[in-house]
Amino acid sequence: MYQILYRILLPIGYVVAHAGDKASILSAITTLKSSLADYIEPDFGLLNELQRRHVLTKRQVASLRSERTVYDRNDALLDLLTAENQSSEEQCVKFLTALQRTGQHHVVNFITQNGGH
């Protein structure tokens, strides 16, 4: 599994796990969820990018857009990404890619550097 992550993330310059570590992107996002809601910008392409990458459905994007504040949208997005019945490491890798493609490198760094720890 980690070899797949390395192949996907190394070309974009990010390493999430070192050989032998049990860390994962999903566990990092779950751990950092409350802090991430303050940094993600969902309204300028991220939701479209996640739909394009088949992380979110059209209905989920519409539901997220109907949330009242950006913080509510982020909380709902992170809840969807980390929901036990539908979360996966592959979706989280796609989430990082979508963040990068929408210019949110600081969020990718925050996740991959485990919140700066």
N, C-alpha and C. Protein backbone atom coordinates (compact mmCIF):
# COMPACT_ATOMS: atom_id res chain seq x y z
N MET A 1 0.82 -1.19 0.00
CA MET A 1 0.00 0.00 0.00
C MET A 1 0.87 1.26 0.00
N TYR A 2 1.90 1.28 0.84
CA TYR A 2 2.73 2.48 0.92
C TYR A 2 3.51 2.71 -0.37
N GLN A 3 3.86 1.62 -1.08
CA GLN A 3 4.55 1.80 -2.35
C GLN A 3 3.66 2.55 -3.33
N ILE A 4 2.36 2.25 -3.31
CA ILE A 4 1.43 2.97 -4.16
C ILE A 4 1.41 4.45 -3.77
N LEU A 5 1.36 4.73 -2.48
CA LEU A 5 1.36 6.12 -2.02
C LEU A 5 2.62 6.84 -2.45
N TYR A 6 3.78 6.16 -2.33
CA TYR A 6 5.03 6.78 -2.74
C TYR A 6 5.00 7.13 -4.22
N ARG A 7 4.50 6.21 -5.05
CA ARG A 7 4.46 6.46 -6.48
C ARG A 7 3.54 7.62 -6.82
N ILE A 8 2.44 7.74 -6.10
CA ILE A 8 1.50 8.82 -6.37
C ILE A 8 2.02 10.14 -5.83
N LEU A 9 2.59 10.13 -4.63
CA LEU A 9 2.95 11.38 -3.97
C LEU A 9 4.35 11.88 -4.29
N LEU A 10 5.28 11.00 -4.54
CA LEU A 10 6.63 11.46 -4.84
C LEU A 10 6.70 12.36 -6.07
N PRO A 11 5.96 12.04 -7.16
CA PRO A 11 6.03 12.94 -8.31
C PRO A 11 5.56 14.36 -8.01
N ILE A 12 4.70 14.54 -7.02
CA ILE A 12 4.27 15.90 -6.70
C ILE A 12 5.05 16.48 -5.53
N GLY A 13 6.06 15.73 -5.06
CA GLY A 13 6.97 16.29 -4.08
C GLY A 13 6.61 16.04 -2.63
N TYR A 14 5.73 15.13 -2.33
CA TYR A 14 5.32 14.90 -0.95
C TYR A 14 5.50 13.44 -0.57
N VAL A 15 6.03 13.24 0.61
CA VAL A 15 6.16 11.89 1.15
C VAL A 15 5.35 11.86 2.43
N VAL A 16 4.40 10.96 2.51
CA VAL A 16 3.53 10.90 3.67
C VAL A 16 4.02 9.91 4.69
N ALA A 17 4.50 8.78 4.25
CA ALA A 17 4.91 7.75 5.19
C ALA A 17 6.32 7.29 4.86
N HIS A 18 7.08 7.01 5.89
CA HIS A 18 8.41 6.45 5.71
C HIS A 18 8.29 4.95 5.80
N ALA A 19 9.21 4.23 5.21
CA ALA A 19 9.16 2.77 5.25
C ALA A 19 9.07 2.30 6.69
N GLY A 20 8.12 1.42 6.95
CA GLY A 20 7.96 0.87 8.28
C GLY A 20 6.99 1.63 9.16
N ASP A 21 6.64 2.86 8.81
CA ASP A 21 5.68 3.63 9.59
C ASP A 21 4.27 3.10 9.37
N LYS A 22 3.44 3.23 10.36
CA LYS A 22 2.04 2.82 10.25
C LYS A 22 1.15 4.02 9.92
N ALA A 23 1.74 5.19 9.77
CA ALA A 23 0.96 6.40 9.50
C ALA A 23 0.30 6.30 8.13
N SER A 24 -0.81 6.96 7.99
CA SER A 24 -1.48 7.02 6.70
C SER A 24 -2.07 8.41 6.53
N ILE A 25 -2.42 8.71 5.30
CA ILE A 25 -3.04 10.00 5.03
C ILE A 25 -4.39 10.07 5.74
N LEU A 26 -5.15 9.00 5.67
CA LEU A 26 -6.46 8.97 6.30
C LEU A 26 -6.36 9.21 7.80
N SER A 27 -5.41 8.56 8.46
CA SER A 27 -5.28 8.76 9.90
C SER A 27 -4.81 10.19 10.21
N ALA A 28 -3.95 10.76 9.35
CA ALA A 28 -3.51 12.14 9.56
C ALA A 28 -4.68 13.10 9.41
N ILE A 29 -5.51 12.90 8.38
CA ILE A 29 -6.67 13.77 8.18
C ILE A 29 -7.64 13.64 9.34
N THR A 30 -7.86 12.42 9.80
CA THR A 30 -8.77 12.18 10.92
C THR A 30 -8.25 12.87 12.18
N THR A 31 -6.96 12.75 12.44
CA THR A 31 -6.35 13.36 13.62
C THR A 31 -6.40 14.88 13.55
N LEU A 32 -6.19 15.44 12.38
CA LEU A 32 -6.09 16.89 12.21
C LEU A 32 -7.41 17.56 11.80
N LYS A 33 -8.47 16.78 11.77
CA LYS A 33 -9.76 17.23 11.24
C LYS A 33 -10.22 18.59 11.78
N SER A 34 -10.18 18.78 13.07
CA SER A 34 -10.68 20.04 13.64
C SER A 34 -9.82 21.23 13.22
N SER A 35 -8.52 21.03 13.08
CA SER A 35 -7.65 22.13 12.65
C SER A 35 -7.78 22.39 11.15
N LEU A 36 -7.95 21.33 10.37
CA LEU A 36 -8.02 21.48 8.92
C LEU A 36 -9.20 22.35 8.48
N ALA A 37 -10.29 22.30 9.22
CA ALA A 37 -11.47 23.08 8.85
C ALA A 37 -11.18 24.57 8.77
N ASP A 38 -10.14 25.02 9.45
CA ASP A 38 -9.77 26.43 9.43
C ASP A 38 -8.92 26.81 8.21
N TYR A 39 -8.34 25.83 7.54
CA TYR A 39 -7.38 26.12 6.47
C TYR A 39 -7.86 25.81 5.05
N ILE A 40 -8.79 24.89 4.92
CA ILE A 40 -9.24 24.47 3.58
C ILE A 40 -10.13 25.54 2.97
N GLU A 41 -9.95 25.77 1.68
CA GLU A 41 -10.80 26.69 0.93
C GLU A 41 -11.59 25.87 -0.10
N PRO A 42 -12.84 25.53 0.23
CA PRO A 42 -13.61 24.65 -0.65
C PRO A 42 -14.28 25.34 -1.84
N ASP A 43 -14.36 26.66 -1.80
CA ASP A 43 -15.24 27.37 -2.73
C ASP A 43 -14.62 27.77 -4.06
N PHE A 44 -13.36 27.53 -4.26
CA PHE A 44 -12.71 27.97 -5.50
C PHE A 44 -12.07 26.81 -6.24
N GLY A 45 -12.89 25.81 -6.53
CA GLY A 45 -12.43 24.71 -7.37
C GLY A 45 -12.23 23.38 -6.67
N LEU A 46 -12.08 23.36 -5.37
CA LEU A 46 -11.79 22.10 -4.67
C LEU A 46 -12.94 21.10 -4.81
N LEU A 47 -14.16 21.53 -4.58
CA LEU A 47 -15.28 20.59 -4.66
C LEU A 47 -15.44 20.04 -6.08
N ASN A 48 -15.27 20.90 -7.08
CA ASN A 48 -15.32 20.43 -8.48
C ASN A 48 -14.22 19.43 -8.77
N GLU A 49 -13.04 19.71 -8.27
CA GLU A 49 -11.90 18.80 -8.48
C GLU A 49 -12.16 17.45 -7.80
N LEU A 50 -12.73 17.48 -6.61
CA LEU A 50 -13.04 16.22 -5.91
C LEU A 50 -14.13 15.44 -6.64
N GLN A 51 -15.07 16.13 -7.23
CA GLN A 51 -16.09 15.44 -8.01
C GLN A 51 -15.47 14.85 -9.28
N ARG A 52 -14.62 15.61 -9.92
CA ARG A 52 -13.95 15.14 -11.14
C ARG A 52 -13.10 13.90 -10.87
N ARG A 53 -12.53 13.83 -9.69
CA ARG A 53 -11.68 12.68 -9.32
C ARG A 53 -12.47 11.55 -8.67
N HIS A 54 -13.79 11.67 -8.68
CA HIS A 54 -14.69 10.63 -8.16
C HIS A 54 -14.51 10.37 -6.66
N VAL A 55 -14.15 11.44 -5.95
CA VAL A 55 -14.10 11.37 -4.49
C VAL A 55 -15.48 11.72 -3.94
N LEU A 56 -16.12 12.69 -4.59
CA LEU A 56 -17.46 13.13 -4.21
C LEU A 56 -18.42 12.95 -5.38
N THR A 57 -19.68 12.70 -5.04
CA THR A 57 -20.71 12.63 -6.07
C THR A 57 -21.29 14.03 -6.30
N LYS A 58 -22.04 14.16 -7.36
CA LYS A 58 -22.70 15.44 -7.66
C LYS A 58 -23.62 15.84 -6.51
N ARG A 59 -24.33 14.87 -5.96
CA ARG A 59 -25.25 15.13 -4.85
C ARG A 59 -24.49 15.59 -3.60
N GLN A 60 -23.35 14.96 -3.32
CA GLN A 60 -22.54 15.37 -2.16
C GLN A 60 -22.01 16.78 -2.33
N VAL A 61 -21.57 17.12 -3.53
CA VAL A 61 -21.08 18.48 -3.80
C VAL A 61 -22.21 19.48 -3.59
N ALA A 62 -23.40 19.18 -4.10
CA ALA A 62 -24.54 20.09 -3.91
C ALA A 62 -24.86 20.25 -2.43
N SER A 63 -24.81 19.17 -1.69
CA SER A 63 -25.08 19.23 -0.25
C SER A 63 -24.03 20.08 0.46
N LEU A 64 -22.77 19.89 0.10
CA LEU A 64 -21.70 20.68 0.72
C LEU A 64 -21.86 22.16 0.41
N ARG A 65 -22.21 22.46 -0.82
CA ARG A 65 -22.39 23.87 -1.21
C ARG A 65 -23.54 24.53 -0.48
N SER A 66 -24.50 23.74 -0.02
CA SER A 66 -25.65 24.31 0.68
C SER A 66 -25.36 24.64 2.15
N GLU A 67 -24.20 24.20 2.64
CA GLU A 67 -23.84 24.52 4.02
C GLU A 67 -23.65 26.02 4.15
N ARG A 68 -24.03 26.55 5.29
CA ARG A 68 -24.11 27.99 5.51
C ARG A 68 -22.76 28.72 5.49
N THR A 69 -21.76 28.19 6.15
CA THR A 69 -20.46 28.88 6.22
C THR A 69 -19.36 28.00 5.65
N VAL A 70 -18.24 28.61 5.36
CA VAL A 70 -17.09 27.87 4.85
C VAL A 70 -16.64 26.82 5.88
N TYR A 71 -16.75 27.15 7.15
CA TYR A 71 -16.35 26.20 8.20
C TYR A 71 -17.29 25.00 8.23
N ASP A 72 -18.58 25.27 8.04
CA ASP A 72 -19.56 24.18 7.97
C ASP A 72 -19.30 23.29 6.75
N ARG A 73 -18.97 23.93 5.61
CA ARG A 73 -18.64 23.16 4.40
C ARG A 73 -17.42 22.29 4.64
N ASN A 74 -16.41 22.86 5.29
CA ASN A 74 -15.19 22.10 5.56
C ASN A 74 -15.45 20.95 6.54
N ASP A 75 -16.21 21.22 7.58
CA ASP A 75 -16.54 20.15 8.54
C ASP A 75 -17.27 19.01 7.83
N ALA A 76 -18.25 19.36 7.00
CA ALA A 76 -19.02 18.35 6.28
C ALA A 76 -18.14 17.59 5.29
N LEU A 77 -17.24 18.30 4.60
CA LEU A 77 -16.31 17.65 3.67
C LEU A 77 -15.41 16.67 4.40
N LEU A 78 -14.84 17.10 5.50
CA LEU A 78 -13.94 16.22 6.26
C LEU A 78 -14.69 15.05 6.86
N ASP A 79 -15.94 15.26 7.26
CA ASP A 79 -16.76 14.15 7.74
C ASP A 79 -16.97 13.12 6.64
N LEU A 80 -17.23 13.59 5.42
CA LEU A 80 -17.39 12.66 4.29
C LEU A 80 -16.11 11.89 4.00
N LEU A 81 -14.98 12.60 4.03
CA LEU A 81 -13.70 11.96 3.73
C LEU A 81 -13.29 10.93 4.77
N THR A 82 -13.72 11.12 6.00
CA THR A 82 -13.27 10.23 7.08
C THR A 82 -14.37 9.30 7.58
N ALA A 83 -15.53 9.31 6.93
CA ALA A 83 -16.63 8.43 7.35
C ALA A 83 -16.20 6.97 7.20
N GLU A 84 -16.44 6.19 8.22
CA GLU A 84 -15.96 4.81 8.24
C GLU A 84 -16.47 3.97 7.07
N ASN A 85 -17.69 4.20 6.65
CA ASN A 85 -18.25 3.34 5.60
C ASN A 85 -17.80 3.72 4.19
N GLN A 86 -17.15 4.87 4.01
CA GLN A 86 -16.75 5.25 2.66
C GLN A 86 -15.36 5.84 2.54
N SER A 87 -14.62 5.93 3.62
CA SER A 87 -13.29 6.52 3.54
C SER A 87 -12.28 5.47 3.07
N SER A 88 -11.28 5.95 2.35
CA SER A 88 -10.21 5.07 1.91
C SER A 88 -8.94 5.88 1.74
N GLU A 89 -7.84 5.18 1.79
CA GLU A 89 -6.55 5.82 1.59
C GLU A 89 -6.46 6.42 0.18
N GLU A 90 -7.01 5.70 -0.78
CA GLU A 90 -6.99 6.17 -2.17
C GLU A 90 -7.75 7.50 -2.31
N GLN A 91 -8.91 7.61 -1.66
CA GLN A 91 -9.66 8.86 -1.70
C GLN A 91 -8.88 10.00 -1.06
N CYS A 92 -8.17 9.69 0.01
CA CYS A 92 -7.38 10.72 0.69
C CYS A 92 -6.21 11.18 -0.16
N VAL A 93 -5.61 10.26 -0.91
CA VAL A 93 -4.54 10.64 -1.84
C VAL A 93 -5.12 11.57 -2.92
N LYS A 94 -6.29 11.22 -3.42
CA LYS A 94 -6.96 12.08 -4.41
C LYS A 94 -7.29 13.44 -3.81
N PHE A 95 -7.66 13.47 -2.53
CA PHE A 95 -7.94 14.73 -1.83
C PHE A 95 -6.68 15.59 -1.80
N LEU A 96 -5.53 15.00 -1.47
CA LEU A 96 -4.27 15.77 -1.46
C LEU A 96 -3.96 16.31 -2.85
N THR A 97 -4.18 15.49 -3.86
CA THR A 97 -3.93 15.93 -5.23
C THR A 97 -4.85 17.08 -5.60
N ALA A 98 -6.12 16.98 -5.21
CA ALA A 98 -7.08 18.05 -5.49
C ALA A 98 -6.69 19.34 -4.77
N LEU A 99 -6.23 19.20 -3.53
CA LEU A 99 -5.76 20.38 -2.80
C LEU A 99 -4.59 21.03 -3.53
N GLN A 100 -3.66 20.21 -3.97
CA GLN A 100 -2.51 20.75 -4.67
C GLN A 100 -2.93 21.43 -5.98
N ARG A 101 -3.81 20.78 -6.72
CA ARG A 101 -4.25 21.33 -8.01
C ARG A 101 -5.04 22.63 -7.85
N THR A 102 -5.59 22.87 -6.67
CA THR A 102 -6.31 24.13 -6.43
C THR A 102 -5.47 25.12 -5.64
N GLY A 103 -4.16 24.88 -5.60
CA GLY A 103 -3.24 25.84 -5.00
C GLY A 103 -3.20 25.85 -3.49
N GLN A 104 -3.66 24.79 -2.86
CA GLN A 104 -3.70 24.74 -1.40
C GLN A 104 -2.55 23.89 -0.84
N HIS A 105 -1.36 24.24 -1.28
CA HIS A 105 -0.15 23.51 -0.88
C HIS A 105 0.06 23.56 0.63
N HIS A 106 -0.31 24.66 1.26
CA HIS A 106 -0.14 24.79 2.71
C HIS A 106 -0.96 23.74 3.45
N VAL A 107 -2.12 23.39 2.92
CA VAL A 107 -2.95 22.36 3.56
C VAL A 107 -2.31 20.98 3.37
N VAL A 108 -1.80 20.73 2.16
CA VAL A 108 -1.10 19.47 1.90
C VAL A 108 0.09 19.34 2.84
N ASN A 109 0.86 20.40 2.98
CA ASN A 109 2.01 20.38 3.89
C ASN A 109 1.57 20.13 5.33
N PHE A 110 0.50 20.76 5.75
CA PHE A 110 -0.02 20.59 7.10
C PHE A 110 -0.38 19.12 7.35
N ILE A 111 -1.03 18.49 6.39
CA ILE A 111 -1.43 17.09 6.54
C ILE A 111 -0.21 16.18 6.50
N THR A 112 0.65 16.37 5.51
CA THR A 112 1.79 15.46 5.34
C THR A 112 2.85 15.64 6.42
N GLN A 113 2.89 16.81 7.03
CA GLN A 113 3.84 17.05 8.12
C GLN A 113 3.18 16.85 9.47
N ASN A 114 2.01 16.21 9.47
CA ASN A 114 1.28 15.85 10.68
C ASN A 114 1.04 17.07 11.59
N GLY A 115 0.56 18.12 10.98
CA GLY A 115 0.21 19.31 11.74
C GLY A 115 1.41 20.06 12.28
N GLY A 116 2.56 19.83 11.68
CA GLY A 116 3.78 20.52 12.12
C GLY A 116 4.54 19.80 13.22
N HIS A 117 4.10 18.59 13.56
CA HIS A 117 4.78 17.82 14.61
C HIS A 117 5.79 16.87 14.04
